[in-house]
Amino acid sequence: MQPPATVDPTRINLQSTIAVNYWCQVLKCSETQLRNAVLAVGPLPADVRTYLDR
C-alpha cells in the first residue's frame, strides 16, 4: 500500500489523522493499539510492527 503524499513513510505521526488511519490499515491494528505501541517503542514503523506482532 502506497502512503498518501502527506504521510511520512519513515515515521508514525500520531498528530495526523490521515497518518494514523494509514498506519492502522498497514499494521492491521486499532488506533488505540497503534498509539500504545508508539508510546512504548517510538515512531519507527519497524519497531511498532515488532511490538504489535509480539
PDB file of N, CA and C in Angstrom:
ATOM      1  N   MET A   1       0.850  -1.184   0.000  1.00  0.00           N
ATOM      2  CA  MET A   1       0.000   0.000   0.000  1.00  0.00           C
ATOM      3  C   MET A   1       0.890   1.241   0.000  1.00  0.00           C
ATOM      4  N   GLN A   2       0.646   2.106  -0.931  1.00  0.00           N
ATOM      5  CA  GLN A   2       1.406   3.354  -1.054  1.00  0.00           C
ATOM      6  C   GLN A   2       0.836   4.389  -0.080  1.00  0.00           C
ATOM      7  N   PRO A   3       1.696   5.022   0.745  1.00  0.00           N
ATOM      8  CA  PRO A   3       1.171   6.037   1.672  1.00  0.00           C
ATOM      9  C   PRO A   3       0.699   7.283   0.920  1.00  0.00           C
ATOM     10  N   PRO A   4      -0.311   7.957   1.461  1.00  0.00           N
ATOM     11  CA  PRO A   4      -0.711   9.241   0.871  1.00  0.00           C
ATOM     12  C   PRO A   4       0.472  10.207   0.882  1.00  0.00           C
ATOM     13  N   ALA A   5       0.435  11.179   0.017  1.00  0.00           N
ATOM     14  CA  ALA A   5       1.544  12.138  -0.112  1.00  0.00           C
ATOM     15  C   ALA A   5       1.842  12.862   1.191  1.00  0.00           C
ATOM     16  N   THR A   6       0.852  13.007   2.043  1.00  0.00           N
ATOM     17  CA  THR A   6       1.042  13.747   3.298  1.00  0.00           C
ATOM     18  C   THR A   6       1.568  12.875   4.438  1.00  0.00           C
ATOM     19  N   VAL A   7       1.773  11.574   4.191  1.00  0.00           N
ATOM     20  CA  VAL A   7       2.224  10.657   5.239  1.00  0.00           C
ATOM     21  C   VAL A   7       3.708  10.352   5.054  1.00  0.00           C
ATOM     22  N   ASP A   8       4.485  10.545   6.112  1.00  0.00           N
ATOM     23  CA  ASP A   8       5.907  10.212   6.114  1.00  0.00           C
ATOM     24  C   ASP A   8       6.033   8.697   6.285  1.00  0.00           C
ATOM     25  N   PRO A   9       6.578   7.993   5.310  1.00  0.00           N
ATOM     26  CA  PRO A   9       6.671   6.534   5.415  1.00  0.00           C
ATOM     27  C   PRO A   9       7.737   6.044   6.396  1.00  0.00           C
ATOM     28  N   THR A  10       8.538   6.956   6.936  1.00  0.00           N
ATOM     29  CA  THR A  10       9.614   6.554   7.841  1.00  0.00           C
ATOM     30  C   THR A  10       9.281   6.756   9.314  1.00  0.00           C
ATOM     31  N   ARG A  11       8.167   7.444   9.607  1.00  0.00           N
ATOM     32  CA  ARG A  11       7.789   7.736  10.989  1.00  0.00           C
ATOM     33  C   ARG A  11       6.277   7.733  11.117  1.00  0.00           C
ATOM     34  N   ILE A  12       5.790   7.311  12.269  1.00  0.00           N
ATOM     35  CA  ILE A  12       4.354   7.320  12.536  1.00  0.00           C
ATOM     36  C   ILE A  12       4.033   8.587  13.312  1.00  0.00           C
ATOM     37  N   ASN A  13       3.253   9.454  12.677  1.00  0.00           N
ATOM     38  CA  ASN A  13       2.876  10.732  13.280  1.00  0.00           C
ATOM     39  C   ASN A  13       1.479  10.610  13.861  1.00  0.00           C
ATOM     40  N   LEU A  14       1.397  10.538  15.188  1.00  0.00           N
ATOM     41  CA  LEU A  14       0.101  10.380  15.848  1.00  0.00           C
ATOM     42  C   LEU A  14      -0.725  11.662  15.836  1.00  0.00           C
ATOM     43  N   GLN A  15      -0.140  12.771  15.413  1.00  0.00           N
ATOM     44  CA  GLN A  15      -0.868  14.043  15.356  1.00  0.00           C
ATOM     45  C   GLN A  15      -1.674  14.180  14.070  1.00  0.00           C
ATOM     46  N   SER A  16      -1.442  13.308  13.114  1.00  0.00           N
ATOM     47  CA  SER A  16      -2.112  13.370  11.813  1.00  0.00           C
ATOM     48  C   SER A  16      -3.152  12.258  11.699  1.00  0.00           C
ATOM     49  N   THR A  17      -4.408  12.638  11.530  1.00  0.00           N
ATOM     50  CA  THR A  17      -5.482  11.656  11.372  1.00  0.00           C
ATOM     51  C   THR A  17      -5.247  10.792  10.145  1.00  0.00           C
ATOM     52  N   ILE A  18      -4.785  11.396   9.064  1.00  0.00           N
ATOM     53  CA  ILE A  18      -4.517  10.644   7.839  1.00  0.00           C
ATOM     54  C   ILE A  18      -3.425   9.602   8.084  1.00  0.00           C
ATOM     55  N   ALA A  19      -2.374   9.999   8.780  1.00  0.00           N
ATOM     56  CA  ALA A  19      -1.275   9.071   9.075  1.00  0.00           C
ATOM     57  C   ALA A  19      -1.744   7.940   9.996  1.00  0.00           C
ATOM     58  N   VAL A  20      -2.496   8.274  11.012  1.00  0.00           N
ATOM     59  CA  VAL A  20      -2.996   7.256  11.945  1.00  0.00           C
ATOM     60  C   VAL A  20      -3.860   6.244  11.192  1.00  0.00           C
ATOM     61  N   ASN A  21      -4.772   6.729  10.357  1.00  0.00           N
ATOM     62  CA  ASN A  21      -5.632   5.827   9.588  1.00  0.00           C
ATOM     63  C   ASN A  21      -4.806   4.941   8.650  1.00  0.00           C
ATOM     64  N   TYR A  22      -3.823   5.534   7.992  1.00  0.00           N
ATOM     65  CA  TYR A  22      -2.952   4.775   7.086  1.00  0.00           C
ATOM     66  C   TYR A  22      -2.214   3.676   7.855  1.00  0.00           C
ATOM     67  N   TRP A  23      -1.556   4.039   8.953  1.00  0.00           N
ATOM     68  CA  TRP A  23      -0.762   3.054   9.686  1.00  0.00           C
ATOM     69  C   TRP A  23      -1.633   1.983  10.330  1.00  0.00           C
ATOM     70  N   CYS A  24      -2.836   2.319  10.743  1.00  0.00           N
ATOM     71  CA  CYS A  24      -3.748   1.300  11.278  1.00  0.00           C
ATOM     72  C   CYS A  24      -4.089   0.273  10.202  1.00  0.00           C
ATOM     73  N   GLN A  25      -4.295   0.725   8.988  1.00  0.00           N
ATOM     74  CA  GLN A  25      -4.574  -0.192   7.877  1.00  0.00           C
ATOM     75  C   GLN A  25      -3.355  -1.051   7.568  1.00  0.00           C
ATOM     76  N   VAL A  26      -2.206  -0.426   7.463  1.00  0.00           N
ATOM     77  CA  VAL A  26      -0.980  -1.149   7.110  1.00  0.00           C
ATOM     78  C   VAL A  26      -0.623  -2.182   8.177  1.00  0.00           C
ATOM     79  N   LEU A  27      -0.732  -1.791   9.433  1.00  0.00           N
ATOM     80  CA  LEU A  27      -0.320  -2.659  10.532  1.00  0.00           C
ATOM     81  C   LEU A  27      -1.456  -3.536  11.059  1.00  0.00           C
ATOM     82  N   LYS A  28      -2.657  -3.362  10.492  1.00  0.00           N
ATOM     83  CA  LYS A  28      -3.824  -4.158  10.882  1.00  0.00           C
ATOM     84  C   LYS A  28      -4.049  -4.115  12.391  1.00  0.00           C
ATOM     85  N   CYS A  29      -4.196  -2.895  12.889  1.00  0.00           N
ATOM     86  CA  CYS A  29      -4.408  -2.704  14.319  1.00  0.00           C
ATOM     87  C   CYS A  29      -5.410  -1.569  14.538  1.00  0.00           C
ATOM     88  N   SER A  30      -5.855  -1.450  15.765  1.00  0.00           N
ATOM     89  CA  SER A  30      -6.754  -0.356  16.108  1.00  0.00           C
ATOM     90  C   SER A  30      -5.936   0.908  16.387  1.00  0.00           C
ATOM     91  N   GLU A  31      -6.621   2.027  16.451  1.00  0.00           N
ATOM     92  CA  GLU A  31      -5.935   3.276  16.784  1.00  0.00           C
ATOM     93  C   GLU A  31      -5.336   3.208  18.181  1.00  0.00           C
ATOM     94  N   THR A  32      -6.047   2.626  19.111  1.00  0.00           N
ATOM     95  CA  THR A  32      -5.534   2.501  20.479  1.00  0.00           C
ATOM     96  C   THR A  32      -4.273   1.643  20.512  1.00  0.00           C
ATOM     97  N   GLN A  33      -4.287   0.530  19.783  1.00  0.00           N
ATOM     98  CA  GLN A  33      -3.099  -0.325  19.729  1.00  0.00           C
ATOM     99  C   GLN A  33      -1.923   0.429  19.119  1.00  0.00           C
ATOM    100  N   LEU A  34      -2.188   1.179  18.059  1.00  0.00           N
ATOM    101  CA  LEU A  34      -1.125   1.952  17.406  1.00  0.00           C
ATOM    102  C   LEU A  34      -0.551   2.986  18.365  1.00  0.00           C
ATOM    103  N   ARG A  35      -1.413   3.732  19.009  1.00  0.00           N
ATOM    104  CA  ARG A  35      -0.953   4.768  19.949  1.00  0.00           C
ATOM    105  C   ARG A  35      -0.149   4.159  21.087  1.00  0.00           C
ATOM    106  N   ASN A  36      -0.611   3.055  21.640  1.00  0.00           N
ATOM    107  CA  ASN A  36       0.117   2.396  22.732  1.00  0.00           C
ATOM    108  C   ASN A  36       1.478   1.894  22.269  1.00  0.00           C
ATOM    109  N   ALA A  37       1.528   1.350  21.059  1.00  0.00           N
ATOM    110  CA  ALA A  37       2.797   0.851  20.525  1.00  0.00           C
ATOM    111  C   ALA A  37       3.792   1.985  20.315  1.00  0.00           C
ATOM    112  N   VAL A  38       3.334   3.093  19.738  1.00  0.00           N
ATOM    113  CA  VAL A  38       4.234   4.237  19.515  1.00  0.00           C
ATOM    114  C   VAL A  38       4.720   4.791  20.848  1.00  0.00           C
ATOM    115  N   LEU A  39       3.853   4.851  21.834  1.00  0.00           N
ATOM    116  CA  LEU A  39       4.275   5.321  23.160  1.00  0.00           C
ATOM    117  C   LEU A  39       5.304   4.373  23.773  1.00  0.00           C
ATOM    118  N   ALA A  40       5.175   3.081  23.498  1.00  0.00           N
ATOM    119  CA  ALA A  40       6.075   2.086  24.086  1.00  0.00           C
ATOM    120  C   ALA A  40       7.434   2.025  23.397  1.00  0.00           C
ATOM    121  N   VAL A  41       7.447   2.102  22.056  1.00  0.00           N
ATOM    122  CA  VAL A  41       8.707   1.855  21.338  1.00  0.00           C
ATOM    123  C   VAL A  41       9.162   2.986  20.429  1.00  0.00           C
ATOM    124  N   GLY A  42       8.349   4.036  20.284  1.00  0.00           N
ATOM    125  CA  GLY A  42       8.730   5.150  19.429  1.00  0.00           C
ATOM    126  C   GLY A  42       8.034   5.095  18.079  1.00  0.00           C
ATOM    127  N   PRO A  43       8.326   6.085  17.214  1.00  0.00           N
ATOM    128  CA  PRO A  43       7.570   6.258  15.977  1.00  0.00           C
ATOM    129  C   PRO A  43       8.077   5.498  14.744  1.00  0.00           C
ATOM    130  N   LEU A  44       9.079   4.669  14.894  1.00  0.00           N
ATOM    131  CA  LEU A  44       9.598   3.959  13.719  1.00  0.00           C
ATOM    132  C   LEU A  44       8.699   2.761  13.389  1.00  0.00           C
ATOM    133  N   PRO A  45       8.211   2.700  12.155  1.00  0.00           N
ATOM    134  CA  PRO A  45       7.271   1.644  11.784  1.00  0.00           C
ATOM    135  C   PRO A  45       7.776   0.221  12.051  1.00  0.00           C
ATOM    136  N   ALA A  46       9.049  -0.054  11.811  1.00  0.00           N
ATOM    137  CA  ALA A  46       9.581  -1.404  12.040  1.00  0.00           C
ATOM    138  C   ALA A  46       9.497  -1.776  13.517  1.00  0.00           C
ATOM    139  N   ASP A  47       9.810  -0.834  14.396  1.00  0.00           N
ATOM    140  CA  ASP A  47       9.733  -1.096  15.833  1.00  0.00           C
ATOM    141  C   ASP A  47       8.289  -1.304  16.271  1.00  0.00           C
ATOM    142  N   VAL A  48       7.382  -0.507  15.724  1.00  0.00           N
ATOM    143  CA  VAL A  48       5.965  -0.638  16.069  1.00  0.00           C
ATOM    144  C   VAL A  48       5.430  -1.981  15.582  1.00  0.00           C
ATOM    145  N   ARG A  49       5.809  -2.383  14.363  1.00  0.00           N
ATOM    146  CA  ARG A  49       5.356  -3.675  13.827  1.00  0.00           C
ATOM    147  C   ARG A  49       5.832  -4.818  14.724  1.00  0.00           C
ATOM    148  N   THR A  50       7.097  -4.775  15.129  1.00  0.00           N
ATOM    149  CA  THR A  50       7.637  -5.819  16.010  1.00  0.00           C
ATOM    150  C   THR A  50       6.880  -5.856  17.325  1.00  0.00           C
ATOM    151  N   TYR A  51       6.610  -4.702  17.885  1.00  0.00           N
ATOM    152  CA  TYR A  51       5.874  -4.604  19.145  1.00  0.00           C
ATOM    153  C   TYR A  51       4.474  -5.201  18.987  1.00  0.00           C
ATOM    154  N   LEU A  52       3.788  -4.855  17.910  1.00  0.00           N
ATOM    155  CA  LEU A  52       2.424  -5.347  17.708  1.00  0.00           C
ATOM    156  C   LEU A  52       2.393  -6.843  17.417  1.00  0.00           C
ATOM    157  N   ASP A  53       3.442  -7.376  16.829  1.00  0.00           N
ATOM    158  CA  ASP A  53       3.487  -8.804  16.478  1.00  0.00           C
ATOM    159  C   ASP A  53       3.843  -9.702  17.652  1.00  0.00           C
ATOM    160  N   ARG A  54       4.231  -9.134  18.759  1.00  0.00           N
ATOM    161  CA  ARG A  54       4.646  -9.992  19.888  1.00  0.00           C
ATOM    162  C   ARG A  54       3.474 -10.552  20.650  1.00  0.00           C
TER     163      ARG A  54
END
